Amino acid sequence: MNILRGGIEFETSEPSAATVDDGHEFTLLDNPLTSENPLKITIKIPDANGFQPDVTSVRYKGMGVGVLKRLQYREESNDILAHFEINQSFAPLIR
């Protein structure tokens, strides 16, 4: 009945995850692709075609794990820096 009155449903793929009691509070993030304390990385790219800040996501196995936050043109080297925020739980995958 809550879904008719409005609400948010949480789901986990972890079968052994603990249940929570009614009234438990969760922190909702502005962007579901990043964590509260994201890993910030910068990558040099030759052009920004197809990239859009706060829209372009970083994906791993089809799942969003981060987002492009900012593009920065560097005139002296004629390249672009792409600044990303990655969910901290996926930091071990970054090389």
N, C-alpha and C. Protein backbone atom coordinates (compact mmCIF):
# COMPACT_ATOMS: atom_id res chain seq x y z
N MET A 1 0.81 -1.20 0.00
CA MET A 1 0.00 0.00 0.00
C MET A 1 0.86 1.27 0.00
N ASN A 2 2.08 1.21 0.57
CA ASN A 2 2.94 2.39 0.61
C ASN A 2 3.25 2.93 -0.77
N ILE A 3 3.41 2.06 -1.74
CA ILE A 3 3.78 2.52 -3.08
C ILE A 3 2.69 3.43 -3.66
N LEU A 4 1.45 3.23 -3.26
CA LEU A 4 0.37 4.08 -3.73
C LEU A 4 0.41 5.45 -3.07
N ARG A 5 0.92 5.53 -1.86
CA ARG A 5 1.03 6.79 -1.14
C ARG A 5 2.37 7.46 -1.40
N GLY A 6 3.28 6.77 -2.04
CA GLY A 6 4.61 7.32 -2.30
C GLY A 6 5.64 6.66 -1.41
N GLY A 7 6.77 6.41 -1.94
CA GLY A 7 7.82 5.78 -1.15
C GLY A 7 8.95 5.33 -2.04
N ILE A 8 9.96 4.80 -1.41
CA ILE A 8 11.14 4.31 -2.12
C ILE A 8 11.36 2.87 -1.69
N GLU A 9 11.63 2.03 -2.66
CA GLU A 9 11.88 0.62 -2.37
C GLU A 9 13.36 0.35 -2.56
N PHE A 10 13.94 -0.43 -1.65
CA PHE A 10 15.33 -0.83 -1.74
C PHE A 10 15.40 -2.32 -2.05
N GLU A 11 16.40 -2.67 -2.83
CA GLU A 11 16.57 -4.07 -3.21
C GLU A 11 18.05 -4.39 -3.14
N THR A 12 18.36 -5.62 -2.77
CA THR A 12 19.75 -6.06 -2.76
C THR A 12 19.85 -7.42 -3.44
N SER A 13 20.97 -7.64 -4.07
CA SER A 13 21.20 -8.94 -4.69
C SER A 13 21.93 -9.88 -3.72
N GLU A 14 22.19 -9.40 -2.52
CA GLU A 14 22.90 -10.18 -1.51
C GLU A 14 21.91 -10.98 -0.69
N PRO A 15 21.82 -12.32 -0.90
CA PRO A 15 20.82 -13.12 -0.20
C PRO A 15 20.97 -13.13 1.32
N SER A 16 22.18 -12.90 1.82
CA SER A 16 22.40 -12.93 3.27
C SER A 16 22.32 -11.54 3.90
N ALA A 17 21.86 -10.54 3.16
CA ALA A 17 21.78 -9.19 3.70
C ALA A 17 20.77 -9.13 4.84
N ALA A 18 21.12 -8.37 5.85
CA ALA A 18 20.24 -8.22 7.02
C ALA A 18 19.03 -7.35 6.66
N THR A 19 17.92 -7.65 7.28
CA THR A 19 16.74 -6.81 7.09
C THR A 19 16.82 -5.63 8.05
N VAL A 20 16.08 -4.59 7.76
CA VAL A 20 16.06 -3.41 8.63
C VAL A 20 14.65 -3.23 9.18
N ASP A 21 14.57 -2.58 10.31
CA ASP A 21 13.29 -2.33 10.96
C ASP A 21 12.61 -1.11 10.34
N ASP A 22 11.29 -1.05 10.47
CA ASP A 22 10.57 0.14 10.05
C ASP A 22 11.14 1.35 10.77
N GLY A 23 11.26 2.45 10.07
CA GLY A 23 11.80 3.67 10.66
C GLY A 23 13.29 3.84 10.48
N HIS A 24 13.97 2.82 9.95
CA HIS A 24 15.42 2.94 9.71
C HIS A 24 15.64 4.04 8.68
N GLU A 25 16.64 4.87 8.88
CA GLU A 25 16.91 5.98 7.97
C GLU A 25 18.07 5.66 7.05
N PHE A 26 17.91 5.99 5.78
CA PHE A 26 18.94 5.83 4.76
C PHE A 26 19.29 7.21 4.21
N THR A 27 20.53 7.41 3.84
CA THR A 27 20.95 8.65 3.19
C THR A 27 20.78 8.49 1.69
N LEU A 28 20.03 9.39 1.07
CA LEU A 28 19.86 9.37 -0.37
C LEU A 28 20.85 10.34 -1.00
N LEU A 29 21.50 9.90 -2.04
CA LEU A 29 22.52 10.72 -2.71
C LEU A 29 21.90 11.47 -3.87
N ASP A 30 22.49 12.63 -4.20
CA ASP A 30 22.02 13.40 -5.36
C ASP A 30 22.16 12.60 -6.64
N ASN A 31 23.23 11.83 -6.72
CA ASN A 31 23.47 11.03 -7.91
C ASN A 31 23.70 9.59 -7.48
N PRO A 32 22.86 8.68 -7.93
CA PRO A 32 22.99 7.30 -7.49
C PRO A 32 24.26 6.59 -7.98
N LEU A 33 24.98 7.20 -8.90
CA LEU A 33 26.17 6.55 -9.44
C LEU A 33 27.41 6.79 -8.59
N THR A 34 27.34 7.72 -7.67
CA THR A 34 28.52 8.00 -6.86
C THR A 34 28.23 7.77 -5.39
N SER A 35 29.28 7.66 -4.61
CA SER A 35 29.14 7.44 -3.18
C SER A 35 29.28 8.77 -2.45
N GLU A 36 29.08 8.74 -1.13
CA GLU A 36 29.22 9.95 -0.33
C GLU A 36 30.66 10.47 -0.37
N ASN A 37 31.61 9.58 -0.48
CA ASN A 37 33.03 9.94 -0.51
C ASN A 37 33.64 9.33 -1.77
N PRO A 38 33.33 9.88 -2.95
CA PRO A 38 33.74 9.23 -4.19
C PRO A 38 35.24 9.31 -4.45
N LEU A 39 35.73 8.33 -5.19
CA LEU A 39 37.10 8.35 -5.69
C LEU A 39 37.11 9.28 -6.90
N LYS A 40 37.98 10.26 -6.89
CA LYS A 40 38.03 11.23 -7.99
C LYS A 40 39.23 10.90 -8.87
N ILE A 41 38.95 10.71 -10.16
CA ILE A 41 40.02 10.42 -11.11
C ILE A 41 39.91 11.36 -12.30
N THR A 42 41.03 11.62 -12.94
CA THR A 42 41.08 12.49 -14.11
C THR A 42 41.77 11.73 -15.23
N ILE A 43 41.18 11.78 -16.41
CA ILE A 43 41.72 11.10 -17.58
C ILE A 43 41.87 12.11 -18.71
N LYS A 44 43.01 12.06 -19.40
CA LYS A 44 43.24 12.93 -20.55
C LYS A 44 42.61 12.27 -21.77
N ILE A 45 41.75 13.02 -22.49
CA ILE A 45 41.09 12.49 -23.70
C ILE A 45 41.35 13.44 -24.86
N PRO A 46 41.38 12.92 -26.10
CA PRO A 46 41.66 13.78 -27.26
C PRO A 46 40.50 14.70 -27.62
N ASP A 47 39.25 14.25 -27.41
CA ASP A 47 38.09 15.11 -27.66
C ASP A 47 36.94 14.66 -26.77
N ALA A 48 35.92 15.50 -26.66
CA ALA A 48 34.83 15.24 -25.72
C ALA A 48 33.53 14.86 -26.43
N ASN A 49 33.63 14.43 -27.69
CA ASN A 49 32.41 14.02 -28.40
C ASN A 49 31.72 12.90 -27.65
N GLY A 50 30.45 13.06 -27.37
CA GLY A 50 29.67 12.05 -26.68
C GLY A 50 29.74 12.12 -25.17
N PHE A 51 30.55 13.01 -24.62
CA PHE A 51 30.67 13.17 -23.17
C PHE A 51 29.82 14.34 -22.70
N GLN A 52 29.12 14.16 -21.58
CA GLN A 52 28.33 15.24 -21.02
C GLN A 52 28.37 15.14 -19.49
N PRO A 53 28.88 16.19 -18.82
CA PRO A 53 28.96 16.15 -17.35
C PRO A 53 27.61 15.85 -16.70
N ASP A 54 27.66 15.07 -15.64
CA ASP A 54 26.49 14.65 -14.86
C ASP A 54 25.50 13.79 -15.64
N VAL A 55 25.87 13.40 -16.87
CA VAL A 55 25.03 12.50 -17.68
C VAL A 55 25.82 11.26 -18.08
N THR A 56 27.06 11.45 -18.52
CA THR A 56 27.90 10.33 -18.95
C THR A 56 28.29 9.49 -17.74
N SER A 57 27.91 8.21 -17.78
CA SER A 57 28.21 7.34 -16.64
C SER A 57 29.39 6.42 -16.94
N VAL A 58 30.02 5.98 -15.87
CA VAL A 58 31.07 4.97 -15.94
C VAL A 58 30.39 3.66 -15.58
N ARG A 59 30.57 2.65 -16.41
CA ARG A 59 29.87 1.40 -16.21
C ARG A 59 30.85 0.24 -16.05
N TYR A 60 30.47 -0.72 -15.23
CA TYR A 60 31.23 -1.94 -15.05
C TYR A 60 30.24 -3.09 -15.10
N LYS A 61 30.41 -3.98 -16.06
CA LYS A 61 29.51 -5.12 -16.26
C LYS A 61 28.05 -4.67 -16.34
N GLY A 62 27.84 -3.54 -17.02
CA GLY A 62 26.49 -3.04 -17.24
C GLY A 62 25.91 -2.23 -16.10
N MET A 63 26.67 -2.04 -15.03
CA MET A 63 26.17 -1.34 -13.86
C MET A 63 26.87 0.01 -13.73
N GLY A 64 26.12 1.05 -13.43
CA GLY A 64 26.70 2.37 -13.24
C GLY A 64 27.52 2.42 -11.96
N VAL A 65 28.79 2.79 -12.08
CA VAL A 65 29.67 2.86 -10.91
C VAL A 65 30.26 4.26 -10.70
N GLY A 66 29.98 5.16 -11.61
CA GLY A 66 30.51 6.51 -11.49
C GLY A 66 29.91 7.41 -12.55
N VAL A 67 30.35 8.67 -12.52
CA VAL A 67 29.79 9.66 -13.44
C VAL A 67 30.86 10.70 -13.79
N LEU A 68 30.78 11.21 -15.01
CA LEU A 68 31.64 12.32 -15.43
C LEU A 68 31.15 13.58 -14.75
N LYS A 69 32.03 14.29 -14.06
CA LYS A 69 31.62 15.50 -13.35
C LYS A 69 31.97 16.78 -14.10
N ARG A 70 33.12 16.77 -14.82
CA ARG A 70 33.56 18.03 -15.43
C ARG A 70 34.51 17.76 -16.59
N LEU A 71 34.45 18.61 -17.60
CA LEU A 71 35.39 18.58 -18.72
C LEU A 71 36.20 19.87 -18.67
N GLN A 72 37.49 19.75 -18.93
CA GLN A 72 38.38 20.91 -18.85
C GLN A 72 39.29 20.93 -20.07
N TYR A 73 39.16 21.95 -20.91
CA TYR A 73 40.02 22.09 -22.09
C TYR A 73 41.35 22.71 -21.67
N ARG A 74 42.45 22.13 -22.19
CA ARG A 74 43.79 22.69 -21.93
C ARG A 74 44.37 23.17 -23.24
N GLU A 75 44.41 24.47 -23.38
CA GLU A 75 44.87 25.09 -24.63
C GLU A 75 46.33 24.75 -24.94
N GLU A 76 47.19 24.75 -23.91
CA GLU A 76 48.62 24.53 -24.13
C GLU A 76 48.94 23.15 -24.71
N SER A 77 48.12 22.15 -24.39
CA SER A 77 48.36 20.80 -24.91
C SER A 77 47.26 20.35 -25.88
N ASN A 78 46.29 21.21 -26.09
CA ASN A 78 45.18 20.94 -27.01
C ASN A 78 44.50 19.60 -26.72
N ASP A 79 44.30 19.33 -25.43
CA ASP A 79 43.57 18.13 -25.05
C ASP A 79 42.53 18.48 -23.99
N ILE A 80 41.83 17.49 -23.52
CA ILE A 80 40.74 17.71 -22.57
C ILE A 80 40.95 16.78 -21.38
N LEU A 81 40.74 17.31 -20.21
CA LEU A 81 40.76 16.49 -19.00
C LEU A 81 39.32 16.18 -18.63
N ALA A 82 39.04 14.91 -18.45
CA ALA A 82 37.72 14.46 -18.02
C ALA A 82 37.83 14.07 -16.55
N HIS A 83 37.06 14.73 -15.71
CA HIS A 83 37.09 14.51 -14.27
C HIS A 83 35.89 13.63 -13.88
N PHE A 84 36.18 12.48 -13.30
CA PHE A 84 35.15 11.51 -12.94
C PHE A 84 35.08 11.32 -11.43
N GLU A 85 33.91 10.92 -10.95
CA GLU A 85 33.73 10.46 -9.58
C GLU A 85 33.24 9.02 -9.65
N ILE A 86 33.96 8.14 -8.95
CA ILE A 86 33.67 6.71 -8.96
C ILE A 86 33.23 6.30 -7.55
N ASN A 87 32.21 5.46 -7.48
CA ASN A 87 31.76 4.93 -6.20
C ASN A 87 32.93 4.25 -5.52
N GLN A 88 33.18 4.59 -4.27
CA GLN A 88 34.35 4.11 -3.53
C GLN A 88 34.44 2.59 -3.47
N SER A 89 33.31 1.90 -3.51
CA SER A 89 33.35 0.43 -3.44
C SER A 89 33.94 -0.19 -4.68
N PHE A 90 34.08 0.57 -5.77
CA PHE A 90 34.66 0.06 -7.00
C PHE A 90 36.12 0.53 -7.19
N ALA A 91 36.68 1.19 -6.21
CA ALA A 91 38.07 1.69 -6.29
C ALA A 91 39.07 0.59 -6.62
N PRO A 92 38.92 -0.63 -6.08
CA PRO A 92 39.91 -1.67 -6.41
C PRO A 92 39.97 -2.03 -7.90
N LEU A 93 38.95 -1.67 -8.66
CA LEU A 93 38.95 -1.97 -10.09
C LEU A 93 39.72 -0.95 -10.93
N ILE A 94 40.04 0.20 -10.33
CA ILE A 94 40.71 1.27 -11.06
C ILE A 94 42.20 0.96 -11.11
N ARG A 95 42.75 1.02 -12.34
CA ARG A 95 44.19 0.77 -12.53
C ARG A 95 44.77 1.88 -13.37
